[in-house]
Amino acid sequence: MEVGIEDCLHIQFNYDKSKFYLHEAITGTIEFKLVRLRVNVMEMSIIRKESTGLGPTAYTESETLAKYELMDGIPVKAEKVPIRWYMSGVELTPTFRNVNNKFGVRYFINLILIDEQDRKYFKQQEIEFYRDSIGYNDTSFYIMPKRLA
């Protein structure tokens, strides 16, 4: 994902993949290509967007699930900021796209940059979360079989 403000700031956000297991870690780097804007704070957040209905009756609700401060201070050109954000502490569900044309759940990584004048710059990238298999890798969903007498 590339973030940029023409002739002021260019950032390249690299992460491993766009599909993650529910309890995996998002890892990657952020590299500053051009820095003429004095960025003081950089944050990353996970946003869940739930949509229901169709057409004019469609309703979408957004919720910020977690925020993570990546940087506090002014970066220099060619600086790389490593990222490792564990998702096990965030209440996630699998991504659902347009289930029976009734509802959907989508997730986004939101990169937030705040400069010296407290102006905010945003960039969103959609990501997917999946559950490996119910009951085998996630003990909270495992249902014990009944014993036969």
N, C-alpha and C. Protein backbone atom coordinates (compact mmCIF):
# COMPACT_ATOMS: atom_id res chain seq x y z
N MET A 1 0.86 -1.17 0.00
CA MET A 1 0.00 0.00 0.00
C MET A 1 0.91 1.22 0.00
N GLU A 2 0.62 2.16 -0.87
CA GLU A 2 1.39 3.39 -0.93
C GLU A 2 0.54 4.54 -0.43
N VAL A 3 1.12 5.39 0.40
CA VAL A 3 0.46 6.56 0.93
C VAL A 3 1.27 7.75 0.49
N GLY A 4 0.63 8.80 0.00
CA GLY A 4 1.41 9.95 -0.44
C GLY A 4 0.60 11.22 -0.52
N ILE A 5 1.31 12.31 -0.31
CA ILE A 5 0.80 13.65 -0.52
C ILE A 5 1.77 14.26 -1.52
N GLU A 6 1.27 14.71 -2.64
CA GLU A 6 2.10 15.12 -3.77
C GLU A 6 3.24 16.06 -3.35
N ASP A 7 4.46 15.65 -3.64
CA ASP A 7 5.70 16.40 -3.38
C ASP A 7 5.93 16.72 -1.90
N CYS A 8 5.23 16.05 -0.98
CA CYS A 8 5.43 16.30 0.45
C CYS A 8 5.79 15.03 1.22
N LEU A 9 5.07 13.95 0.94
CA LEU A 9 5.25 12.74 1.74
C LEU A 9 4.90 11.52 0.90
N HIS A 10 5.80 10.53 0.90
CA HIS A 10 5.54 9.26 0.24
C HIS A 10 5.96 8.14 1.19
N ILE A 11 5.03 7.25 1.48
CA ILE A 11 5.26 6.15 2.41
C ILE A 11 4.86 4.86 1.70
N GLN A 12 5.67 3.83 1.87
CA GLN A 12 5.32 2.51 1.35
C GLN A 12 5.08 1.58 2.53
N PHE A 13 3.88 1.01 2.58
CA PHE A 13 3.47 0.13 3.67
C PHE A 13 3.45 -1.29 3.11
N ASN A 14 4.40 -2.11 3.55
CA ASN A 14 4.49 -3.50 3.08
C ASN A 14 4.08 -4.43 4.21
N TYR A 15 3.14 -5.33 3.93
CA TYR A 15 2.82 -6.39 4.87
C TYR A 15 2.74 -7.69 4.11
N ASP A 16 2.91 -8.78 4.85
CA ASP A 16 3.10 -10.11 4.25
C ASP A 16 2.01 -10.50 3.26
N LYS A 17 0.77 -10.35 3.67
CA LYS A 17 -0.35 -10.87 2.88
C LYS A 17 -1.59 -10.07 3.21
N SER A 18 -2.68 -10.37 2.52
CA SER A 18 -3.93 -9.65 2.78
C SER A 18 -4.98 -10.54 3.43
N LYS A 19 -4.68 -11.84 3.61
CA LYS A 19 -5.59 -12.77 4.28
C LYS A 19 -4.89 -13.33 5.51
N PHE A 20 -5.55 -13.19 6.67
CA PHE A 20 -4.95 -13.57 7.94
C PHE A 20 -5.86 -14.52 8.70
N TYR A 21 -5.24 -15.45 9.41
CA TYR A 21 -5.94 -16.30 10.37
C TYR A 21 -6.36 -15.41 11.54
N LEU A 22 -7.46 -15.73 12.22
CA LEU A 22 -8.00 -14.87 13.28
C LEU A 22 -7.00 -14.54 14.39
N HIS A 23 -6.09 -15.46 14.70
CA HIS A 23 -5.17 -15.24 15.82
C HIS A 23 -3.73 -15.05 15.35
N GLU A 24 -3.56 -14.61 14.14
CA GLU A 24 -2.24 -14.43 13.56
C GLU A 24 -1.72 -13.02 13.87
N ALA A 25 -0.49 -12.75 13.49
CA ALA A 25 0.10 -11.43 13.66
C ALA A 25 0.24 -10.77 12.29
N ILE A 26 -0.07 -9.48 12.24
CA ILE A 26 0.18 -8.70 11.02
C ILE A 26 1.61 -8.20 11.13
N THR A 27 2.44 -8.59 10.19
CA THR A 27 3.84 -8.18 10.20
C THR A 27 4.17 -7.48 8.90
N GLY A 28 5.12 -6.57 8.97
CA GLY A 28 5.54 -5.84 7.79
C GLY A 28 6.44 -4.68 8.15
N THR A 29 6.61 -3.77 7.21
CA THR A 29 7.42 -2.57 7.42
C THR A 29 6.76 -1.37 6.78
N ILE A 30 7.09 -0.21 7.30
CA ILE A 30 6.69 1.05 6.68
C ILE A 30 7.97 1.79 6.36
N GLU A 31 8.11 2.16 5.09
CA GLU A 31 9.33 2.84 4.64
C GLU A 31 8.97 4.24 4.15
N PHE A 32 9.72 5.22 4.63
CA PHE A 32 9.51 6.61 4.24
C PHE A 32 10.37 6.91 3.02
N LYS A 33 9.72 7.18 1.88
CA LYS A 33 10.43 7.45 0.63
C LYS A 33 10.76 8.93 0.48
N LEU A 34 9.82 9.80 0.82
CA LEU A 34 10.00 11.25 0.72
C LEU A 34 9.37 11.88 1.95
N VAL A 35 10.13 12.72 2.66
CA VAL A 35 9.61 13.32 3.89
C VAL A 35 9.88 14.82 3.86
N ARG A 36 8.85 15.57 3.50
CA ARG A 36 8.92 17.03 3.57
C ARG A 36 7.84 17.57 4.50
N LEU A 37 6.99 16.69 4.95
CA LEU A 37 5.93 17.02 5.90
C LEU A 37 6.34 16.48 7.26
N ARG A 38 6.23 17.29 8.28
CA ARG A 38 6.69 16.88 9.60
C ARG A 38 5.58 16.09 10.31
N VAL A 39 5.66 14.77 10.15
CA VAL A 39 4.69 13.85 10.76
C VAL A 39 5.15 13.55 12.18
N ASN A 40 4.27 13.78 13.14
CA ASN A 40 4.61 13.53 14.54
C ASN A 40 4.17 12.15 15.01
N VAL A 41 3.00 11.70 14.58
CA VAL A 41 2.43 10.45 15.07
C VAL A 41 1.92 9.63 13.89
N MET A 42 2.16 8.32 13.96
CA MET A 42 1.60 7.41 12.97
C MET A 42 0.92 6.27 13.73
N GLU A 43 -0.34 6.01 13.40
CA GLU A 43 -1.12 4.97 14.04
C GLU A 43 -1.70 4.03 12.99
N MET A 44 -1.99 2.82 13.43
CA MET A 44 -2.66 1.85 12.58
C MET A 44 -3.86 1.35 13.36
N SER A 45 -4.98 1.15 12.68
CA SER A 45 -6.16 0.64 13.37
C SER A 45 -6.85 -0.41 12.50
N ILE A 46 -7.64 -1.25 13.15
CA ILE A 46 -8.45 -2.26 12.48
C ILE A 46 -9.89 -1.79 12.56
N ILE A 47 -10.54 -1.68 11.41
CA ILE A 47 -11.93 -1.23 11.35
C ILE A 47 -12.79 -2.36 10.80
N ARG A 48 -13.92 -2.61 11.48
CA ARG A 48 -14.89 -3.60 11.01
C ARG A 48 -16.09 -2.85 10.45
N LYS A 49 -16.50 -3.20 9.23
CA LYS A 49 -17.68 -2.60 8.61
C LYS A 49 -18.70 -3.70 8.38
N GLU A 50 -19.85 -3.56 9.05
CA GLU A 50 -20.94 -4.53 8.91
C GLU A 50 -22.04 -3.88 8.08
N SER A 51 -22.51 -4.58 7.08
CA SER A 51 -23.57 -4.04 6.23
C SER A 51 -24.75 -5.01 6.20
N THR A 52 -25.95 -4.44 6.20
CA THR A 52 -27.17 -5.23 6.11
C THR A 52 -28.11 -4.58 5.11
N GLY A 53 -28.97 -5.39 4.52
CA GLY A 53 -29.96 -4.86 3.60
C GLY A 53 -29.44 -4.72 2.18
N LEU A 54 -30.32 -4.26 1.32
CA LEU A 54 -30.01 -4.08 -0.09
C LEU A 54 -30.53 -2.74 -0.58
N GLY A 55 -29.86 -2.20 -1.58
CA GLY A 55 -30.33 -1.00 -2.26
C GLY A 55 -30.54 0.18 -1.33
N PRO A 56 -31.73 0.83 -1.42
CA PRO A 56 -31.97 2.04 -0.61
C PRO A 56 -32.13 1.75 0.88
N THR A 57 -32.36 0.50 1.25
CA THR A 57 -32.52 0.17 2.66
C THR A 57 -31.22 -0.36 3.27
N ALA A 58 -30.12 -0.25 2.53
CA ALA A 58 -28.83 -0.75 3.02
C ALA A 58 -28.36 0.10 4.19
N TYR A 59 -27.78 -0.57 5.17
CA TYR A 59 -27.26 0.09 6.37
C TYR A 59 -25.86 -0.44 6.64
N THR A 60 -24.91 0.47 6.85
CA THR A 60 -23.53 0.08 7.14
C THR A 60 -23.11 0.71 8.47
N GLU A 61 -22.51 -0.11 9.31
CA GLU A 61 -22.02 0.35 10.60
C GLU A 61 -20.52 0.08 10.68
N SER A 62 -19.75 1.10 11.06
CA SER A 62 -18.30 0.96 11.20
C SER A 62 -17.90 1.03 12.66
N GLU A 63 -16.91 0.22 13.01
CA GLU A 63 -16.43 0.19 14.39
C GLU A 63 -14.92 0.02 14.39
N THR A 64 -14.21 0.87 15.13
CA THR A 64 -12.77 0.72 15.28
C THR A 64 -12.52 -0.28 16.40
N LEU A 65 -11.91 -1.41 16.06
CA LEU A 65 -11.72 -2.49 17.03
C LEU A 65 -10.47 -2.28 17.88
N ALA A 66 -9.41 -1.78 17.28
CA ALA A 66 -8.16 -1.60 18.01
C ALA A 66 -7.30 -0.57 17.31
N LYS A 67 -6.48 0.13 18.10
CA LYS A 67 -5.50 1.09 17.56
C LYS A 67 -4.12 0.70 18.06
N TYR A 68 -3.15 1.00 17.25
CA TYR A 68 -1.76 0.65 17.56
C TYR A 68 -0.88 1.80 17.11
N GLU A 69 -0.14 2.42 18.03
CA GLU A 69 0.75 3.53 17.68
C GLU A 69 2.05 2.97 17.15
N LEU A 70 2.36 3.29 15.90
CA LEU A 70 3.56 2.77 15.25
C LEU A 70 4.77 3.66 15.47
N MET A 71 4.55 4.96 15.54
CA MET A 71 5.67 5.88 15.61
C MET A 71 5.27 7.14 16.35
N ASP A 72 6.19 7.66 17.14
CA ASP A 72 6.00 8.93 17.82
C ASP A 72 7.28 9.71 17.63
N GLY A 73 7.26 10.70 16.79
CA GLY A 73 8.45 11.47 16.46
C GLY A 73 8.53 11.69 14.97
N ILE A 74 9.48 12.52 14.57
CA ILE A 74 9.60 12.90 13.16
C ILE A 74 10.54 11.94 12.44
N PRO A 75 10.07 11.30 11.36
CA PRO A 75 10.91 10.34 10.63
C PRO A 75 11.86 11.04 9.66
N VAL A 76 12.85 10.30 9.21
CA VAL A 76 13.78 10.80 8.19
C VAL A 76 13.60 9.95 6.93
N LYS A 77 14.12 10.44 5.83
CA LYS A 77 14.01 9.73 4.55
C LYS A 77 14.72 8.37 4.65
N ALA A 78 14.13 7.36 4.05
CA ALA A 78 14.65 5.98 3.99
C ALA A 78 14.56 5.24 5.32
N GLU A 79 13.88 5.81 6.31
CA GLU A 79 13.70 5.13 7.59
C GLU A 79 12.66 4.03 7.43
N LYS A 80 12.91 2.87 8.06
CA LYS A 80 11.98 1.76 8.05
C LYS A 80 11.48 1.49 9.46
N VAL A 81 10.17 1.38 9.59
CA VAL A 81 9.54 1.10 10.88
C VAL A 81 8.96 -0.32 10.81
N PRO A 82 9.48 -1.25 11.63
CA PRO A 82 8.93 -2.62 11.59
C PRO A 82 7.59 -2.70 12.32
N ILE A 83 6.74 -3.61 11.85
CA ILE A 83 5.41 -3.80 12.44
C ILE A 83 5.23 -5.27 12.80
N ARG A 84 4.73 -5.52 13.99
CA ARG A 84 4.30 -6.86 14.40
C ARG A 84 3.14 -6.65 15.37
N TRP A 85 1.93 -6.89 14.88
CA TRP A 85 0.72 -6.62 15.66
C TRP A 85 -0.06 -7.93 15.77
N TYR A 86 -0.15 -8.45 16.99
CA TYR A 86 -0.83 -9.72 17.25
C TYR A 86 -2.34 -9.49 17.33
N MET A 87 -3.08 -10.30 16.60
CA MET A 87 -4.53 -10.15 16.52
C MET A 87 -5.27 -10.95 17.59
N SER A 88 -4.56 -11.75 18.40
CA SER A 88 -5.24 -12.59 19.39
C SER A 88 -5.97 -11.76 20.45
N GLY A 89 -5.58 -10.53 20.68
CA GLY A 89 -6.24 -9.68 21.67
C GLY A 89 -7.40 -8.88 21.11
N VAL A 90 -7.67 -9.01 19.82
CA VAL A 90 -8.73 -8.24 19.16
C VAL A 90 -9.90 -9.18 18.89
N GLU A 91 -11.12 -8.73 19.19
CA GLU A 91 -12.31 -9.55 18.97
C GLU A 91 -12.69 -9.53 17.49
N LEU A 92 -12.25 -10.55 16.78
CA LEU A 92 -12.49 -10.63 15.34
C LEU A 92 -13.43 -11.78 15.00
N THR A 93 -14.11 -11.65 13.89
CA THR A 93 -14.88 -12.73 13.30
C THR A 93 -14.37 -12.90 11.88
N PRO A 94 -14.66 -14.00 11.24
CA PRO A 94 -14.23 -14.14 9.85
C PRO A 94 -14.89 -13.10 8.94
N THR A 95 -14.25 -12.81 7.83
CA THR A 95 -14.81 -11.91 6.83
C THR A 95 -15.92 -12.63 6.09
N PHE A 96 -17.06 -11.97 5.94
CA PHE A 96 -18.18 -12.50 5.17
C PHE A 96 -18.53 -11.48 4.10
N ARG A 97 -18.62 -11.91 2.87
CA ARG A 97 -18.96 -11.01 1.77
C ARG A 97 -20.35 -11.36 1.23
N ASN A 98 -21.28 -10.44 1.37
CA ASN A 98 -22.58 -10.53 0.72
C ASN A 98 -23.24 -11.90 0.90
N VAL A 99 -23.52 -12.27 2.12
CA VAL A 99 -24.13 -13.56 2.43
C VAL A 99 -25.62 -13.49 2.09
N ASN A 100 -26.05 -14.27 1.08
CA ASN A 100 -27.45 -14.31 0.62
C ASN A 100 -28.01 -12.92 0.31
N ASN A 101 -27.17 -12.02 -0.12
CA ASN A 101 -27.56 -10.62 -0.41
C ASN A 101 -28.23 -9.96 0.80
N LYS A 102 -27.87 -10.39 2.00
CA LYS A 102 -28.49 -9.85 3.21
C LYS A 102 -27.50 -9.09 4.09
N PHE A 103 -26.30 -9.65 4.30
CA PHE A 103 -25.35 -8.97 5.17
C PHE A 103 -23.92 -9.31 4.77
N GLY A 104 -22.99 -8.52 5.32
CA GLY A 104 -21.58 -8.75 5.08
C GLY A 104 -20.75 -8.14 6.21
N VAL A 105 -19.58 -8.72 6.44
CA VAL A 105 -18.64 -8.20 7.43
C VAL A 105 -17.29 -8.08 6.73
N ARG A 106 -16.74 -6.87 6.72
CA ARG A 106 -15.45 -6.63 6.07
C ARG A 106 -14.53 -5.90 7.05
N TYR A 107 -13.23 -6.08 6.86
CA TYR A 107 -12.23 -5.47 7.73
C TYR A 107 -11.26 -4.62 6.91
N PHE A 108 -10.77 -3.56 7.54
CA PHE A 108 -9.83 -2.66 6.89
C PHE A 108 -8.70 -2.32 7.84
N ILE A 109 -7.48 -2.20 7.28
CA ILE A 109 -6.37 -1.59 8.01
C ILE A 109 -6.40 -0.12 7.68
N ASN A 110 -6.40 0.71 8.69
CA ASN A 110 -6.45 2.15 8.52
C ASN A 110 -5.14 2.74 9.02
N LEU A 111 -4.39 3.39 8.15
CA LEU A 111 -3.14 4.04 8.52
C LEU A 111 -3.43 5.52 8.72
N ILE A 112 -3.08 6.05 9.90
CA ILE A 112 -3.38 7.43 10.26
C ILE A 112 -2.07 8.17 10.50
N LEU A 113 -1.88 9.30 9.83
CA LEU A 113 -0.71 10.15 10.03
C LEU A 113 -1.18 11.48 10.59
N ILE A 114 -0.50 11.98 11.62
CA ILE A 114 -0.85 13.26 12.24
C ILE A 114 0.38 14.15 12.18
N ASP A 115 0.24 15.35 11.60
CA ASP A 115 1.39 16.26 11.47
C ASP A 115 1.44 17.25 12.63
N GLU A 116 2.36 18.22 12.55
CA GLU A 116 2.56 19.18 13.64
C GLU A 116 1.36 20.07 13.90
N GLN A 117 0.58 20.37 12.86
CA GLN A 117 -0.61 21.21 13.02
C GLN A 117 -1.85 20.38 13.35
N ASP A 118 -1.66 19.13 13.77
CA ASP A 118 -2.73 18.20 14.13
C ASP A 118 -3.68 17.91 12.96
N ARG A 119 -3.19 17.98 11.74
CA ARG A 119 -3.97 17.55 10.59
C ARG A 119 -3.81 16.04 10.46
N LYS A 120 -4.88 15.36 10.09
CA LYS A 120 -4.85 13.91 9.99
C LYS A 120 -4.96 13.49 8.52
N TYR A 121 -4.16 12.49 8.18
CA TYR A 121 -4.18 11.91 6.84
C TYR A 121 -4.46 10.42 6.99
N PHE A 122 -5.36 9.89 6.15
CA PHE A 122 -5.82 8.51 6.28
C PHE A 122 -5.58 7.73 4.99
N LYS A 123 -5.37 6.43 5.15
CA LYS A 123 -5.33 5.50 4.02
C LYS A 123 -5.89 4.19 4.52
N GLN A 124 -6.86 3.61 3.78
CA GLN A 124 -7.47 2.34 4.16
C GLN A 124 -7.17 1.27 3.13
N GLN A 125 -6.96 0.06 3.62
CA GLN A 125 -6.73 -1.10 2.76
C GLN A 125 -7.56 -2.25 3.31
N GLU A 126 -8.32 -2.92 2.46
CA GLU A 126 -9.15 -4.03 2.93
C GLU A 126 -8.29 -5.27 3.14
N ILE A 127 -8.57 -5.99 4.24
CA ILE A 127 -7.91 -7.26 4.54
C ILE A 127 -8.99 -8.28 4.88
N GLU A 128 -8.63 -9.55 4.85
CA GLU A 128 -9.59 -10.61 5.18
C GLU A 128 -9.09 -11.42 6.36
N PHE A 129 -10.03 -11.85 7.20
CA PHE A 129 -9.74 -12.75 8.30
C PHE A 129 -10.52 -14.03 8.07
N TYR A 130 -9.90 -15.16 8.39
CA TYR A 130 -10.57 -16.44 8.22
C TYR A 130 -10.33 -17.30 9.45
N ARG A 131 -11.24 -18.25 9.65
CA ARG A 131 -11.12 -19.22 10.73
C ARG A 131 -10.60 -20.50 10.10
N ASP A 132 -9.56 -21.07 10.69
CA ASP A 132 -8.93 -22.26 10.11
C ASP A 132 -9.91 -23.41 10.02
N SER A 133 -10.43 -23.86 11.15
CA SER A 133 -11.47 -24.87 11.19
C SER A 133 -12.12 -24.81 12.56
N ILE A 134 -13.40 -24.98 12.60
CA ILE A 134 -14.12 -24.86 13.87
C ILE A 134 -13.81 -26.06 14.75
N GLY A 135 -13.40 -25.78 15.98
CA GLY A 135 -13.24 -26.82 16.97
C GLY A 135 -11.86 -27.41 17.09
N TYR A 136 -11.01 -27.31 16.10
CA TYR A 136 -9.73 -27.98 16.18
C TYR A 136 -8.59 -27.05 16.60
N ASN A 137 -8.57 -25.84 16.07
CA ASN A 137 -7.49 -24.92 16.43
C ASN A 137 -7.96 -23.83 17.38
N ASP A 138 -9.24 -23.69 17.56
CA ASP A 138 -9.79 -22.64 18.41
C ASP A 138 -10.66 -23.29 19.48
N THR A 139 -10.16 -23.41 20.70
CA THR A 139 -10.85 -24.17 21.75
C THR A 139 -12.13 -23.50 22.21
N SER A 140 -12.32 -22.21 21.95
CA SER A 140 -13.54 -21.56 22.41
C SER A 140 -14.76 -22.00 21.60
N PHE A 141 -14.55 -22.60 20.43
CA PHE A 141 -15.66 -23.04 19.60
C PHE A 141 -15.83 -24.56 19.61
N TYR A 142 -15.06 -25.26 20.38
CA TYR A 142 -15.11 -26.72 20.39
C TYR A 142 -16.24 -27.20 21.27
N ILE A 143 -17.06 -28.08 20.75
CA ILE A 143 -18.17 -28.67 21.51
C ILE A 143 -17.82 -30.12 21.76
N MET A 144 -17.76 -30.49 23.04
CA MET A 144 -17.40 -31.87 23.42
C MET A 144 -18.52 -32.82 23.00
N PRO A 145 -18.17 -33.95 22.40
CA PRO A 145 -19.21 -34.93 22.05
C PRO A 145 -19.79 -35.58 23.31
N LYS A 146 -21.06 -35.96 23.22
CA LYS A 146 -21.71 -36.59 24.35
C LYS A 146 -21.25 -38.02 24.46
N ARG A 147 -21.05 -38.47 25.67
CA ARG A 147 -20.64 -39.86 25.90
C ARG A 147 -21.85 -40.77 25.80
N LEU A 148 -21.67 -41.84 25.14
CA LEU A 148 -22.74 -42.83 25.05
C LEU A 148 -22.73 -43.73 26.28
N ALA A 149 -23.87 -43.94 26.90
CA ALA A 149 -23.95 -44.75 28.11
C ALA A 149 -24.26 -46.18 27.81
